Amino acid sequence: MTHRRWFTPWLLVAPAVVWLLVFNLWPSLNTVVLAFTNAKPLGGGHFTGLANFARALDDSQLTDALVNSIVYMLVCLPLLTMLPLLLAILVEKRLPGITFFRTAFYTPVVASAVVVALIWGWVLDDRGLVNGFAQWLGVVAAPVPFLTDRWLLLFSAISLTVWKGLGYYMIIYLSALGNVRRELHEAAAVDGAGAVRRFWSVTVPGVRNTMLLVSVLVSVSALRVFSELYVLSNGTGGPGGRDMSVVMLIQLYTRGFSGHLGYASALSIVLFVITIGPMLLLLRLDRKAA
């Protein structure tokens, strides 16, 4: 009986452990190994040392992709850290009809990213709603190239990411705001602090740990962006392929039977290292602030 009781917990966690080993640990280790080879989808390849990483240093497409990913992160980070907090403060109030607005803000989150990107593409197309309305008002004489200009396409994708992510991070902040003691707001109000002062002196310190979590989530997802840029550019990566993200570039090199798995694996490691950077920086800044 004792032996069976000792064995039972391991039996229960065995499926999860097998899943992690097969679908997480093994692919990660295999990626590291492939990064030092010239492997193809139909061949194992052979060891090439640091050749793939040396190639990455001279890859202009990778340079463009890194610039796009970093700009994506730098724009999304402040917007998706502060705007959802302001929305959470708004919908936390007990006002008539506030449930409708909570639902409206969260609806884009449950929608498929691909479907939302397709709708966004129709809206921003040369013959889409935005250009049609702007030309009807006489604001512009010719359609604005939202989807055919490099930077306009990038910022169109960023606006889609921000719009879709507002509701998700708003829910995270709502749970954190419930832990901020109301007595602190009341005491600050008695001392003469206005709404803005209470926000910076009471609310922000009270949700600081949650803001760090949101910042890390936003940074990682921005650096790993794929669907928004892929769909808005129709899979081309924008004019001249200069709007690709690093994930799109990795997908490009693994496509077809003649894909370069070794080089794609090296790019995956580069992306992993770059993704770790903002996380460590944010943790360091949080410790200094504490």
Protein backbone atom coordinates (compact mmCIF):
# COMPACT_ATOMS: atom_id res chain seq x y z
CA MET A 1 0.00 0.00 0.00
CA THR A 2 2.82 2.41 0.91
CA HIS A 3 4.61 1.63 -2.34
CA ARG A 4 1.44 2.31 -4.34
CA ARG A 5 0.89 5.62 -2.55
CA TRP A 6 4.48 6.66 -3.34
CA PHE A 7 4.06 5.77 -7.00
CA THR A 8 0.65 7.36 -7.56
CA PRO A 9 1.74 11.06 -7.70
CA TRP A 10 4.43 10.27 -10.26
CA LEU A 11 1.91 8.38 -12.34
CA LEU A 12 -0.39 11.40 -12.33
CA VAL A 13 2.30 13.85 -13.44
CA ALA A 14 3.85 11.47 -15.97
CA PRO A 15 1.69 12.62 -18.96
CA ALA A 16 2.61 16.27 -18.34
CA VAL A 17 6.30 15.41 -17.94
CA VAL A 18 6.29 13.38 -21.17
CA TRP A 19 4.54 16.24 -22.97
CA LEU A 20 7.15 18.76 -21.77
CA LEU A 21 10.04 16.49 -22.70
CA VAL A 22 8.72 15.67 -26.18
CA PHE A 23 7.26 19.02 -27.24
CA ASN A 24 9.36 21.54 -25.26
CA LEU A 25 12.73 20.27 -24.06
CA TRP A 26 13.62 18.04 -27.02
CA PRO A 27 12.77 20.65 -29.74
CA SER A 28 14.74 23.29 -27.82
CA LEU A 29 17.83 21.07 -27.54
CA ASN A 30 17.46 20.01 -31.18
CA THR A 31 17.32 23.66 -32.26
CA VAL A 32 20.62 24.35 -30.49
CA VAL A 33 22.24 21.37 -32.22
CA LEU A 34 20.87 22.28 -35.67
CA ALA A 35 22.15 25.85 -35.32
CA PHE A 36 25.69 24.53 -35.77
CA THR A 37 24.89 22.49 -38.89
CA ASN A 38 23.73 23.06 -42.48
CA ALA A 39 20.74 20.76 -42.04
CA LYS A 40 17.93 20.63 -44.61
CA PRO A 41 14.38 19.33 -44.15
CA LEU A 42 15.28 16.12 -46.02
CA GLY A 43 18.84 15.77 -44.76
CA GLY A 44 20.67 15.83 -41.47
CA GLY A 45 23.52 18.03 -42.71
CA HIS A 46 26.92 18.22 -41.09
CA PHE A 47 28.67 20.34 -38.47
CA THR A 48 29.60 23.83 -39.69
CA GLY A 49 30.63 25.51 -36.43
CA LEU A 50 29.70 29.18 -36.17
CA ALA A 51 29.10 29.59 -39.92
CA ASN A 52 25.37 30.22 -39.49
CA PHE A 53 25.96 32.93 -36.89
CA ALA A 54 28.63 34.54 -39.08
CA ARG A 55 26.12 34.54 -41.93
CA ALA A 56 23.59 36.24 -39.66
CA LEU A 57 25.99 39.14 -39.06
CA ASP A 58 26.02 39.92 -42.80
CA ASP A 59 22.31 39.30 -43.43
CA SER A 60 20.60 42.57 -44.41
CA GLN A 61 17.19 40.92 -44.10
CA LEU A 62 17.95 40.03 -40.49
CA THR A 63 19.04 43.62 -39.83
CA ASP A 64 15.73 44.93 -41.16
CA ALA A 65 13.82 42.30 -39.19
CA LEU A 66 15.63 43.21 -35.96
CA VAL A 67 14.94 46.92 -36.51
CA ASN A 68 11.26 46.16 -37.14
CA SER A 69 10.98 43.95 -34.05
CA ILE A 70 12.75 46.46 -31.79
CA VAL A 71 10.64 49.38 -33.06
CA TYR A 72 7.57 47.19 -32.57
CA MET A 73 8.56 46.56 -28.96
CA LEU A 74 9.53 50.17 -28.17
CA VAL A 75 6.15 51.47 -29.40
CA CYS A 76 3.97 48.70 -27.96
CA LEU A 77 5.66 48.64 -24.54
CA PRO A 78 4.55 52.05 -23.21
CA LEU A 79 1.16 51.94 -24.94
CA LEU A 80 0.18 48.46 -23.74
CA THR A 81 1.56 49.11 -20.26
CA MET A 82 -0.27 52.38 -19.53
CA LEU A 83 -3.43 52.41 -21.69
CA PRO A 84 -4.85 49.13 -20.28
CA LEU A 85 -4.24 50.46 -16.76
CA LEU A 86 -6.23 53.60 -17.54
CA LEU A 87 -9.00 51.48 -19.06
CA ALA A 88 -9.02 49.22 -16.01
CA ILE A 89 -9.41 52.24 -13.72
CA LEU A 90 -12.29 53.43 -15.90
CA VAL A 91 -14.23 50.15 -16.07
CA GLU A 92 -13.59 49.41 -12.39
CA LYS A 93 -15.99 52.21 -11.47
CA ARG A 94 -19.59 51.23 -10.80
CA LEU A 95 -21.39 53.23 -13.44
CA PRO A 96 -24.57 52.49 -15.42
CA GLY A 97 -23.77 50.44 -18.51
CA ILE A 98 -20.14 49.81 -17.53
CA THR A 99 -20.57 46.07 -18.17
CA PHE A 100 -21.18 46.82 -21.84
CA PHE A 101 -17.88 48.70 -22.10
CA ARG A 102 -16.00 45.91 -20.30
CA THR A 103 -17.34 43.46 -22.86
CA ALA A 104 -16.61 45.79 -25.77
CA PHE A 105 -13.01 46.33 -24.69
CA TYR A 106 -12.41 42.59 -24.23
CA THR A 107 -14.14 41.39 -27.44
CA PRO A 108 -11.06 41.84 -29.71
CA VAL A 109 -9.09 39.53 -27.41
CA VAL A 110 -11.29 36.50 -28.08
CA ALA A 111 -11.27 37.08 -31.84
CA SER A 112 -8.75 35.23 -33.97
CA ALA A 113 -5.62 37.26 -34.69
CA VAL A 114 -5.76 36.26 -38.36
CA VAL A 115 -9.41 37.25 -38.74
CA VAL A 116 -8.81 40.59 -37.01
CA ALA A 117 -5.78 41.23 -39.22
CA LEU A 118 -7.82 40.48 -42.35
CA ILE A 119 -10.51 42.95 -41.26
CA TRP A 120 -7.80 45.50 -40.42
CA GLY A 121 -6.33 45.00 -43.89
CA TRP A 122 -9.68 45.65 -45.57
CA VAL A 123 -10.14 48.82 -43.50
CA LEU A 124 -6.64 50.17 -44.32
CA ASP A 125 -6.58 49.13 -47.98
CA ASP A 126 -6.26 51.80 -50.69
CA ARG A 127 -9.99 51.32 -51.33
CA GLY A 128 -10.78 50.63 -47.70
CA LEU A 129 -12.92 52.45 -45.17
CA VAL A 130 -10.22 54.79 -43.83
CA ASN A 131 -8.96 55.98 -47.21
CA GLY A 132 -12.47 56.22 -48.62
CA PHE A 133 -13.68 58.32 -45.71
CA ALA A 134 -10.56 60.52 -45.75
CA GLN A 135 -10.92 61.19 -49.47
CA TRP A 136 -14.65 61.87 -49.07
CA LEU A 137 -13.83 64.51 -46.43
CA GLY A 138 -11.14 65.95 -48.68
CA VAL A 139 -8.38 65.35 -46.13
CA VAL A 140 -6.22 63.52 -48.69
CA ALA A 141 -6.19 63.65 -52.48
CA ALA A 142 -4.75 60.17 -53.01
CA PRO A 143 -5.04 56.99 -50.91
CA VAL A 144 -2.61 56.77 -48.00
CA PRO A 145 -0.37 53.70 -48.59
CA PHE A 146 -0.98 52.10 -45.19
CA LEU A 147 -0.17 48.62 -46.52
CA THR A 148 2.42 49.41 -49.19
CA ASP A 149 4.78 51.80 -47.41
CA ARG A 150 7.39 50.22 -45.15
CA TRP A 151 6.88 52.34 -42.04
CA LEU A 152 3.15 52.87 -42.47
CA LEU A 153 2.69 49.11 -42.74
CA LEU A 154 4.78 48.56 -39.62
CA PHE A 155 2.80 51.12 -37.60
CA SER A 156 -0.48 49.78 -38.96
CA ALA A 157 0.48 46.39 -37.55
CA ILE A 158 1.47 48.02 -34.27
CA SER A 159 -1.91 49.75 -34.05
CA LEU A 160 -3.59 46.39 -34.60
CA THR A 161 -1.54 44.78 -31.84
CA VAL A 162 -2.33 47.60 -29.42
CA TRP A 163 -6.05 47.53 -30.23
CA LYS A 164 -6.26 43.78 -29.83
CA GLY A 165 -4.18 43.65 -26.64
CA LEU A 166 -5.91 46.41 -24.68
CA GLY A 167 -8.65 44.19 -23.30
CA TYR A 168 -6.33 41.35 -22.33
CA TYR A 169 -4.00 43.50 -20.23
CA MET A 170 -6.98 45.44 -18.89
CA ILE A 171 -8.26 42.24 -17.25
CA ILE A 172 -4.84 41.66 -15.65
CA TYR A 173 -4.85 45.18 -14.23
CA LEU A 174 -8.42 44.81 -12.98
CA SER A 175 -7.39 41.92 -10.77
CA ALA A 176 -4.43 43.95 -9.46
CA LEU A 177 -6.52 47.05 -8.74
CA GLY A 178 -8.69 44.98 -6.42
CA ASN A 179 -5.65 44.62 -4.13
CA VAL A 180 -5.03 48.37 -3.86
CA ARG A 181 -6.53 49.45 -0.54
CA ARG A 182 -9.30 52.02 -0.94
CA GLU A 183 -8.26 53.61 2.36
CA LEU A 184 -5.06 54.83 0.71
CA HIS A 185 -7.05 56.72 -1.93
CA GLU A 186 -9.32 58.17 0.72
CA ALA A 187 -6.36 59.30 2.85
CA ALA A 188 -4.67 60.87 -0.18
CA ALA A 189 -7.91 62.68 -1.08
CA VAL A 190 -8.20 64.01 2.46
CA ASP A 191 -4.65 65.36 2.16
CA GLY A 192 -5.72 67.28 -0.92
CA ALA A 193 -4.32 64.99 -3.65
CA GLY A 194 -6.17 65.18 -6.95
CA ALA A 195 -6.99 62.32 -9.27
CA VAL A 196 -3.69 62.55 -11.18
CA ARG A 197 -1.65 62.72 -7.98
CA ARG A 198 -3.49 59.71 -6.52
CA PHE A 199 -2.85 57.81 -9.73
CA TRP A 200 0.92 58.29 -9.57
CA SER A 201 1.28 58.10 -5.78
CA VAL A 202 -1.23 55.35 -4.89
CA THR A 203 -2.39 53.38 -7.93
CA VAL A 204 0.92 52.97 -9.78
CA PRO A 205 2.92 51.84 -6.69
CA GLY A 206 0.07 49.48 -5.81
CA VAL A 207 0.17 47.72 -9.18
CA ARG A 208 3.94 48.01 -9.80
CA ASN A 209 4.51 44.25 -9.82
CA THR A 210 1.64 43.80 -12.26
CA MET A 211 3.07 46.53 -14.49
CA LEU A 212 6.35 44.63 -14.56
CA LEU A 213 4.53 41.45 -15.56
CA VAL A 214 2.62 43.26 -18.30
CA SER A 215 5.82 44.91 -19.55
CA VAL A 216 7.56 41.54 -19.86
CA LEU A 217 4.56 39.98 -21.63
CA VAL A 218 4.30 42.90 -24.06
CA SER A 219 8.04 42.92 -24.79
CA VAL A 220 8.20 39.20 -25.52
CA SER A 221 5.05 39.16 -27.67
CA ALA A 222 6.21 42.24 -29.62
CA LEU A 223 9.59 40.72 -30.41
CA ARG A 224 7.87 37.51 -31.53
CA VAL A 225 5.19 39.21 -33.66
CA PHE A 226 4.12 37.27 -36.72
CA SER A 227 0.41 37.17 -37.60
CA GLU A 228 -0.17 40.92 -37.85
CA LEU A 229 2.73 41.63 -40.21
CA TYR A 230 2.24 38.43 -42.18
CA VAL A 231 -1.46 38.98 -42.90
CA LEU A 232 -1.28 42.75 -43.52
CA SER A 233 1.58 42.24 -45.99
CA ASN A 234 -0.12 39.21 -47.61
CA GLY A 235 2.86 37.09 -46.62
CA THR A 236 5.34 39.18 -48.62
CA GLY A 237 6.90 41.05 -45.72
CA GLY A 238 5.98 44.42 -47.20
CA PRO A 239 7.77 46.34 -49.98
CA GLY A 240 11.01 44.57 -50.76
CA GLY A 241 10.44 42.23 -47.83
CA ARG A 242 11.63 44.96 -45.46
CA ASP A 243 8.69 44.64 -43.04
CA MET A 244 9.51 41.13 -41.92
CA SER A 245 9.83 40.30 -38.25
CA VAL A 246 12.46 37.85 -37.03
CA VAL A 247 9.80 35.15 -36.70
CA MET A 248 8.71 35.74 -40.31
CA LEU A 249 12.33 35.42 -41.40
CA ILE A 250 12.69 32.14 -39.51
CA GLN A 251 9.51 30.87 -41.16
CA LEU A 252 10.87 31.91 -44.57
CA TYR A 253 14.04 29.84 -44.14
CA THR A 254 12.14 26.72 -43.02
CA ARG A 255 9.71 26.77 -45.95
CA GLY A 256 9.71 23.97 -48.50
CA PHE A 257 11.92 20.93 -48.98
CA SER A 258 15.01 23.06 -49.60
CA GLY A 259 14.69 25.12 -46.42
CA HIS A 260 17.76 26.04 -44.38
CA LEU A 261 16.95 24.50 -41.00
CA GLY A 262 20.44 25.15 -39.67
CA TYR A 263 20.33 28.85 -40.40
CA ALA A 264 16.73 29.12 -39.17
CA SER A 265 17.78 27.46 -35.90
CA ALA A 266 20.61 29.98 -35.51
CA LEU A 267 18.10 32.81 -36.03
CA SER A 268 15.89 31.23 -33.37
CA ILE A 269 18.76 31.37 -30.88
CA VAL A 270 19.43 35.01 -31.81
CA LEU A 271 15.75 35.80 -31.20
CA PHE A 272 15.85 33.98 -27.86
CA VAL A 273 18.88 36.00 -26.70
CA ILE A 274 17.27 39.27 -27.82
CA THR A 275 14.03 38.36 -26.04
CA ILE A 276 15.85 37.70 -22.78
CA GLY A 277 17.46 41.17 -22.89
CA PRO A 278 14.35 43.30 -22.24
CA MET A 279 13.21 40.92 -19.52
CA LEU A 280 16.48 41.25 -17.61
CA LEU A 281 16.51 45.03 -18.12
CA LEU A 282 12.96 45.41 -16.79
CA LEU A 283 13.75 43.24 -13.77
CA ARG A 284 16.83 45.34 -13.03
CA LEU A 285 14.89 48.60 -13.30
CA ASP A 286 12.21 47.21 -11.01
CA ARG A 287 14.79 46.29 -8.37
CA LYS A 288 16.29 49.78 -8.54
CA ALA A 289 12.84 51.34 -8.20
CA ALA A 290 12.11 49.12 -5.21
